[in-house]
């Protein structure tokens, strides 16, 4: 004789009526609560929804409180505690899985499943942890989707190590317009074989991100910090709002096999160096247009610093003018600045300590 199946479309609390049963739960994000432990209450929860999670409340910390689509968990009790006899493991995500984020505490909550606009997470950084810890991304890419029109404060996205199934995650604004990312330190840090695609135009060509990182104006860091075999690609419209004379928009520290900025970026405020590759033998390609936000007159000691055996392939249109001050860029430490357009670098550029400035590789 098979187990009795109970169909549930709402939140429930487990009772003796559920003992020995399979609960087939649908109806969107609902909560399954395990309150007072019941002796020999063997129950299995099956999430029958294809696009919503179920929240498991009252289980021990070794059990993920989020039961993702089409997952199941078996639970029993000795009368004093609930314990899992079968755990679901990582969720094998389908193609196009989006994790929504909304910093508004009346909507966003890190206890949510994050899988719909009505059940978003509250923090970008937590969304990154969910993707790294909860998901199996074999041959697919999870998309972190912050809602536009919001400001995300001290909500850093740090990725290190390799997620299960793939080392690639994506972040893309969702909705019309931009969101502002304001952090005391870097907004993004990527290293140790992680890869992030900042695909700003995924959900609309008018979408954007305003990076307001490194508000403490620390040295040798930036709004985007790439370290030790981390890899970052960026497409779409980004603005970097400089925090002072020590700041960098991009700071590269460590090797990488090759990364690209497809559509350039704009800057406002004050910087030491706007784009700095500090060490490590990596390669970057910049396309699109690089220049000031109209009417802002940013200041910088230099546009580029390419150091330590790094290579920058510069194919962007570099806007001349619009800066209040801009000093000369530098290429040093056996680095290569490959200026394939041959256009003048705003503020000038000089080579030192074995640095090379070329228009072709040959």
Protein backbone atom coordinates (compact mmCIF):
# COMPACT_ATOMS: atom_id res chain seq x y z
CA UNK A 1 0.00 0.00 0.00
CA UNK A 2 1.42 3.37 -0.98
CA UNK A 3 1.81 6.41 1.20
CA UNK A 4 -1.13 8.74 1.48
CA UNK A 5 -0.67 11.96 -0.52
CA UNK A 6 -1.91 15.29 0.81
CA UNK A 7 -2.17 18.16 -1.68
CA UNK A 8 -1.36 21.50 -0.10
CA UNK A 9 -1.68 24.90 -1.78
CA UNK A 10 -1.00 27.09 1.25
CA UNK A 11 1.17 27.36 4.34
CA UNK A 12 0.71 24.54 6.86
CA UNK A 13 1.98 23.39 10.25
CA UNK A 14 2.89 19.71 10.50
CA UNK A 15 0.60 17.75 12.84
CA UNK A 16 -0.28 14.12 13.59
CA UNK A 17 -2.62 14.25 10.60
CA UNK A 18 0.45 14.35 8.33
CA UNK A 19 2.24 11.33 9.85
CA UNK A 20 3.22 8.77 7.25
CA UNK A 21 2.12 11.04 4.40
CA UNK A 22 3.61 12.71 1.39
CA UNK A 23 2.72 16.41 1.19
CA UNK A 24 2.62 17.64 -2.40
CA UNK A 25 3.01 21.41 -1.97
CA UNK A 26 2.08 23.93 -4.65
CA UNK A 27 0.63 27.45 -4.65
CA UNK A 28 3.75 29.61 -4.82
CA UNK A 29 6.09 30.44 -1.96
CA UNK A 30 4.40 28.89 1.08
CA UNK A 31 5.76 27.92 4.49
CA UNK A 32 5.87 24.41 5.96
CA UNK A 33 6.26 24.79 9.73
CA UNK A 34 7.63 22.09 12.03
CA UNK A 35 6.68 23.29 15.51
CA UNK A 36 6.32 20.83 18.42
CA UNK A 37 8.09 17.56 17.64
CA UNK A 38 5.76 14.57 17.25
CA UNK A 39 6.94 11.00 17.95
CA UNK A 40 7.32 8.89 14.77
CA UNK A 41 5.84 11.56 12.54
CA UNK A 42 7.45 10.49 9.27
CA UNK A 43 6.56 13.03 6.58
CA UNK A 44 7.88 13.80 3.12
CA UNK A 45 7.53 17.26 1.54
CA UNK A 46 7.55 17.47 -2.27
CA UNK A 47 7.71 20.89 -3.90
CA UNK A 48 5.41 20.50 -6.87
CA UNK A 49 5.97 24.02 -8.20
CA UNK A 50 8.32 24.55 -11.12
CA UNK A 51 9.11 28.20 -10.33
CA UNK A 52 8.67 28.75 -6.60
CA UNK A 53 10.42 27.62 -3.44
CA UNK A 54 8.89 26.43 -0.20
CA UNK A 55 10.11 27.72 3.16
CA UNK A 56 10.85 25.10 5.83
CA UNK A 57 10.53 26.54 9.34
CA UNK A 58 11.55 24.86 12.59
CA UNK A 59 14.18 22.40 11.35
CA UNK A 60 17.80 22.21 12.51
CA UNK A 61 20.51 24.41 10.98
CA UNK A 62 21.94 21.54 8.91
CA UNK A 63 18.80 21.64 6.74
CA UNK A 64 18.45 24.29 4.04
CA UNK A 65 15.29 26.22 4.96
CA UNK A 66 14.51 26.68 1.26
CA UNK A 67 13.06 23.77 -0.67
CA UNK A 68 13.58 24.70 -4.31
CA UNK A 69 11.32 23.71 -7.25
CA UNK A 70 10.79 19.97 -7.73
CA UNK A 71 12.88 19.09 -4.67
CA UNK A 72 11.80 16.83 -1.81
CA UNK A 73 12.79 16.31 1.83
CA UNK A 74 11.89 13.58 4.33
CA UNK A 75 11.58 14.43 8.03
CA UNK A 76 10.90 12.41 11.17
CA UNK A 77 10.95 12.97 14.94
CA UNK A 78 11.79 11.13 18.13
CA UNK A 79 9.43 13.38 20.07
CA UNK A 80 12.11 15.87 21.12
CA UNK A 81 13.49 17.17 17.81
CA UNK A 82 12.73 17.03 14.10
CA UNK A 83 15.50 15.52 11.94
CA UNK A 84 15.89 15.07 8.20
CA UNK A 85 16.18 11.48 6.98
CA UNK A 86 16.60 12.64 3.38
CA UNK A 87 17.96 16.01 2.26
CA UNK A 88 17.51 17.47 -1.23
CA UNK A 89 21.05 18.80 -1.86
CA UNK A 90 21.78 21.51 -4.42
CA UNK A 91 19.09 22.62 -6.84
CA UNK A 92 19.92 21.75 -10.46
CA UNK A 93 18.79 25.07 -11.85
CA UNK A 94 17.09 25.38 -15.24
CA UNK A 95 18.33 27.70 -17.96
CA UNK A 96 17.39 31.32 -17.32
CA UNK A 97 17.07 31.07 -13.53
CA UNK A 98 16.77 34.60 -12.11
CA UNK A 99 17.36 35.57 -8.48
CA UNK A 100 15.56 38.87 -7.86
CA UNK A 101 16.83 41.37 -5.28
CA UNK A 102 14.98 44.35 -3.81
CA UNK A 103 16.55 46.34 -0.92
CA UNK A 104 13.16 47.62 0.22
CA UNK A 105 12.58 45.69 3.46
CA UNK A 106 8.82 45.75 2.92
CA UNK A 107 9.34 43.60 -0.20
CA UNK A 108 12.80 42.02 -0.13
CA UNK A 109 13.71 39.41 2.46
CA UNK A 110 16.69 37.04 2.44
CA UNK A 111 14.36 34.35 3.82
CA UNK A 112 12.44 34.44 0.52
CA UNK A 113 13.13 32.07 -2.37
CA UNK A 114 14.21 35.01 -4.57
CA UNK A 115 12.65 33.41 -7.64
CA UNK A 116 9.87 35.92 -8.37
CA UNK A 117 9.37 39.68 -8.29
CA UNK A 118 6.99 39.25 -5.34
CA UNK A 119 9.41 37.09 -3.33
CA UNK A 120 12.82 38.77 -3.87
CA UNK A 121 15.86 38.60 -1.65
CA UNK A 122 16.94 41.82 0.05
CA UNK A 123 20.70 41.80 -0.53
CA UNK A 124 22.87 41.35 -3.62
CA UNK A 125 25.63 39.76 -1.52
CA UNK A 126 23.22 37.19 -0.11
CA UNK A 127 22.00 36.42 -3.62
CA UNK A 128 25.60 35.64 -4.54
CA UNK A 129 25.86 33.21 -1.61
CA UNK A 130 22.62 31.53 -2.65
CA UNK A 131 23.99 30.99 -6.16
CA UNK A 132 27.27 29.61 -4.82
CA UNK A 133 25.89 27.41 -2.03
CA UNK A 134 22.38 26.33 -3.07
CA UNK A 135 22.62 25.94 -6.86
CA UNK A 136 24.10 23.38 -9.22
CA UNK A 137 24.68 25.44 -12.37
CA UNK A 138 25.84 22.73 -14.76
CA UNK A 139 25.93 24.26 -18.26
CA UNK A 140 23.64 27.14 -17.22
CA UNK A 141 24.15 30.57 -15.64
CA UNK A 142 22.25 31.97 -12.68
CA UNK A 143 21.30 35.64 -13.04
CA UNK A 144 21.27 37.99 -10.04
CA UNK A 145 18.74 40.70 -10.88
CA UNK A 146 18.71 43.81 -8.64
CA UNK A 147 15.57 45.88 -9.12
CA UNK A 148 16.25 49.27 -10.69
CA UNK A 149 15.31 52.62 -9.16
CA UNK A 150 16.86 51.58 -5.85
CA UNK A 151 20.08 52.26 -3.91
CA UNK A 152 21.96 49.26 -2.55
CA UNK A 153 24.14 50.38 0.39
CA UNK A 154 27.18 48.40 1.61
CA UNK A 155 25.83 45.35 -0.17
CA UNK A 156 29.01 43.95 -1.68
CA UNK A 157 29.10 41.03 -4.09
CA UNK A 158 32.23 38.98 -3.40
CA UNK A 159 32.80 35.81 -5.41
CA UNK A 160 35.69 33.45 -4.81
CA UNK A 161 36.16 29.80 -5.58
CA UNK A 162 34.23 27.86 -8.18
CA UNK A 163 30.49 27.22 -7.88
CA UNK A 164 29.17 23.73 -8.55
CA UNK A 165 28.64 23.09 -12.24
CA UNK A 166 30.09 26.36 -13.56
CA UNK A 167 32.35 29.19 -12.44
CA UNK A 168 30.13 31.81 -14.12
CA UNK A 169 27.48 34.02 -12.55
CA UNK A 170 25.70 36.99 -14.08
CA UNK A 171 24.35 40.22 -12.60
CA UNK A 172 21.83 42.32 -14.55
CA UNK A 173 19.57 45.22 -13.50
CA UNK A 174 15.87 44.36 -13.77
CA UNK A 175 13.30 47.01 -14.72
CA UNK A 176 13.67 50.30 -16.54
CA UNK A 177 16.53 52.64 -15.66
CA UNK A 178 19.46 52.23 -13.28
CA UNK A 179 20.26 51.30 -9.74
CA UNK A 180 22.94 52.87 -7.54
CA UNK A 181 25.48 50.62 -5.82
CA UNK A 182 27.02 52.49 -2.88
CA UNK A 183 29.65 50.77 -0.76
CA UNK A 184 32.42 51.80 1.64
CA UNK A 185 34.68 49.28 -0.12
CA UNK A 186 34.39 47.60 -3.52
CA UNK A 187 30.93 46.93 -4.88
CA UNK A 188 32.24 43.82 -6.62
CA UNK A 189 35.16 41.57 -5.78
CA UNK A 190 35.94 38.53 -7.94
CA UNK A 191 38.83 36.12 -7.47
CA UNK A 192 40.06 32.53 -7.18
CA UNK A 193 38.62 31.21 -10.46
CA UNK A 194 35.20 32.82 -10.11
CA UNK A 195 33.74 34.57 -13.15
CA UNK A 196 31.15 37.35 -13.24
CA UNK A 197 29.36 38.68 -16.30
CA UNK A 198 28.07 42.20 -15.54
CA UNK A 199 25.51 42.14 -18.33
CA UNK A 200 23.82 45.46 -17.69
CA UNK A 201 21.74 45.38 -20.87
CA UNK A 202 20.32 41.86 -20.41
CA UNK A 203 16.78 43.05 -19.64
CA UNK A 204 16.79 46.30 -21.63
CA UNK A 205 19.24 48.53 -23.45
CA UNK A 206 18.25 51.52 -21.26
CA UNK A 207 19.25 49.80 -18.02
CA UNK A 208 22.34 50.96 -16.14
CA UNK A 209 24.39 50.73 -12.97
CA UNK A 210 25.88 53.68 -11.10
CA UNK A 211 28.86 52.38 -9.13
CA UNK A 212 29.56 54.46 -6.03
CA UNK A 213 32.13 52.18 -4.43
CA UNK A 214 35.16 52.79 -2.23
CA UNK A 215 33.42 55.61 -0.37
CA UNK A 216 36.24 55.43 2.20
CA UNK A 217 38.64 56.41 -0.60
CA UNK A 218 41.12 53.65 0.26
CA UNK A 219 44.30 53.14 -1.77
CA UNK A 220 44.89 50.22 -4.15
CA UNK A 221 41.27 49.21 -4.47
CA UNK A 222 38.29 50.18 -6.58
CA UNK A 223 34.59 49.95 -7.23
CA UNK A 224 35.31 46.70 -9.07
CA UNK A 225 38.17 44.62 -7.66
CA UNK A 226 39.46 41.69 -9.71
CA UNK A 227 41.96 39.42 -7.99
CA UNK A 228 43.91 36.19 -8.47
CA UNK A 229 42.41 34.45 -11.51
CA UNK A 230 39.03 36.09 -11.15
CA UNK A 231 37.38 37.05 -14.42
CA UNK A 232 34.98 39.92 -15.17
CA UNK A 233 33.21 40.82 -18.40
CA UNK A 234 30.91 43.83 -18.70
CA UNK A 235 28.35 44.86 -21.30
CA UNK A 236 25.99 47.84 -21.20
CA UNK A 237 25.97 51.27 -19.57
CA UNK A 238 27.98 51.82 -16.37
CA UNK A 239 28.85 55.02 -14.52
CA UNK A 240 31.60 55.18 -11.90
CA UNK A 241 31.31 57.95 -9.31
CA UNK A 242 34.80 58.58 -7.93
CA UNK A 243 35.25 58.98 -4.19
CA UNK A 244 38.55 60.90 -4.07
CA UNK A 245 42.22 61.12 -4.95
CA UNK A 246 42.99 57.49 -3.97
CA UNK A 247 40.12 55.88 -5.85
CA UNK A 248 40.05 53.57 -8.88
CA UNK A 249 37.01 52.60 -10.89
CA UNK A 250 38.63 49.25 -11.82
CA UNK A 251 41.47 47.71 -9.82
CA UNK A 252 43.08 44.55 -11.13
CA UNK A 253 45.38 42.58 -8.81
CA UNK A 254 46.44 39.19 -10.08
CA UNK A 255 46.45 37.15 -13.29
CA UNK A 256 43.49 36.31 -15.49
CA UNK A 257 43.20 34.62 -18.91
CA UNK A 258 41.39 37.54 -20.52
CA UNK A 259 38.39 39.76 -19.82
CA UNK A 260 36.52 42.48 -21.64
CA UNK A 261 34.49 45.65 -21.27
CA UNK A 262 32.39 45.73 -24.41
CA UNK A 263 30.63 49.10 -24.23
CA UNK A 264 33.03 51.30 -22.30
CA UNK A 265 31.93 53.32 -19.26
CA UNK A 266 31.51 56.87 -17.97
CA UNK A 267 33.04 58.57 -14.94
CA UNK A 268 32.25 61.43 -12.58
CA UNK A 269 33.86 62.62 -9.35
CA UNK A 270 37.54 62.22 -8.43
CA UNK A 271 40.01 59.36 -8.95
CA UNK A 272 43.66 58.52 -8.67
CA UNK A 273 43.58 56.08 -11.60
CA UNK A 274 40.38 55.24 -13.42
CA UNK A 275 41.52 51.86 -14.79
CA UNK A 276 44.46 50.21 -13.00
CA UNK A 277 45.96 46.80 -13.74
CA UNK A 278 48.43 46.48 -10.91
CA UNK A 279 50.19 43.13 -11.38
CA UNK A 280 49.91 39.55 -12.45
CA UNK A 281 50.04 38.96 -16.21
CA UNK A 282 46.39 39.37 -17.15
CA UNK A 283 44.71 40.66 -20.29
CA UNK A 284 41.80 43.06 -20.72
CA UNK A 285 40.03 44.41 -23.79
CA UNK A 286 38.09 47.69 -23.65
CA UNK A 287 35.65 48.72 -26.38
CA UNK A 288 32.81 51.21 -26.64
CA UNK A 289 33.32 54.76 -25.36
CA UNK A 290 35.20 55.89 -22.25
CA UNK A 291 34.77 59.42 -20.95
CA UNK A 292 33.15 61.80 -18.47
CA UNK A 293 29.47 61.96 -17.64
CA UNK A 294 28.29 65.07 -19.43
CA UNK A 295 28.55 68.22 -17.32
CA UNK A 296 30.35 66.61 -14.36
CA UNK A 297 34.04 67.54 -15.05
CA UNK A 298 35.70 64.59 -13.24
CA UNK A 299 39.30 64.77 -12.01
CA UNK A 300 41.90 62.00 -12.21
CA UNK A 301 45.65 61.63 -11.92
CA UNK A 302 45.53 59.25 -14.90
CA UNK A 303 43.12 57.34 -17.07
CA UNK A 304 45.19 54.11 -17.25
CA UNK A 305 47.94 52.46 -15.22
CA UNK A 306 49.01 49.20 -16.87
CA UNK A 307 51.70 47.53 -14.74
CA UNK A 308 53.30 44.21 -13.85
CA UNK A 309 53.32 42.22 -17.13
CA UNK A 310 49.65 42.97 -17.81
CA UNK A 311 48.18 43.65 -21.24
CA UNK A 312 45.41 46.09 -22.14
CA UNK A 313 43.94 45.97 -25.62
CA UNK A 314 42.44 49.43 -26.02
CA UNK A 315 39.88 49.71 -28.83
CA UNK A 316 37.49 52.17 -27.17
CA UNK A 317 36.71 55.69 -28.27
CA UNK A 318 38.46 57.81 -25.63
CA UNK A 319 36.72 61.12 -25.11
CA UNK A 320 39.09 64.07 -25.11
CA UNK A 321 37.92 66.95 -22.95
CA UNK A 322 35.32 67.17 -20.24
CA UNK A 323 37.77 66.45 -17.39
CA UNK A 324 38.60 69.19 -14.89
CA UNK A 325 42.09 67.68 -14.56
CA UNK A 326 43.65 64.57 -16.07
CA UNK A 327 47.30 63.57 -15.80
CA UNK A 328 49.28 61.22 -18.06
CA UNK A 329 48.67 57.47 -18.06
CA UNK A 330 51.56 55.06 -17.51
CA UNK A 331 52.63 51.64 -18.82
CA UNK A 332 55.37 49.94 -16.78
CA UNK A 333 56.84 46.73 -15.43
CA UNK A 334 56.96 44.91 -18.80
CA UNK A 335 53.27 45.64 -19.40
CA UNK A 336 51.79 46.14 -22.87
CA UNK A 337 49.32 48.86 -23.85
CA UNK A 338 47.97 47.87 -27.24
CA UNK A 339 46.20 50.94 -28.60
CA UNK A 340 44.66 49.42 -31.72
CA UNK A 341 42.81 52.63 -32.68
CA UNK A 342 46.01 54.64 -32.59
CA UNK A 343 44.07 57.55 -31.10
CA UNK A 344 45.66 59.85 -28.53
CA UNK A 345 45.08 58.93 -24.91
CA UNK A 346 43.49 61.85 -23.01
CA UNK A 347 46.10 63.30 -20.66
CA UNK A 348 48.90 61.58 -22.57
CA UNK A 349 50.65 58.28 -21.84
CA UNK A 350 54.24 57.23 -21.19
CA UNK A 351 56.14 53.94 -20.93
CA UNK A 352 58.63 53.13 -18.18
CA UNK A 353 60.49 50.13 -16.71
CA UNK A 354 60.11 47.97 -19.80
CA UNK A 355 56.54 48.97 -20.58
CA UNK A 356 55.47 49.00 -24.23
CA UNK A 357 52.96 51.10 -26.13
CA UNK A 358 52.01 49.62 -29.50
CA UNK A 359 49.28 49.85 -32.12
CA UNK A 360 49.68 46.21 -33.26
CA UNK A 361 51.17 43.09 -31.70
CA UNK A 362 53.60 42.66 -34.58
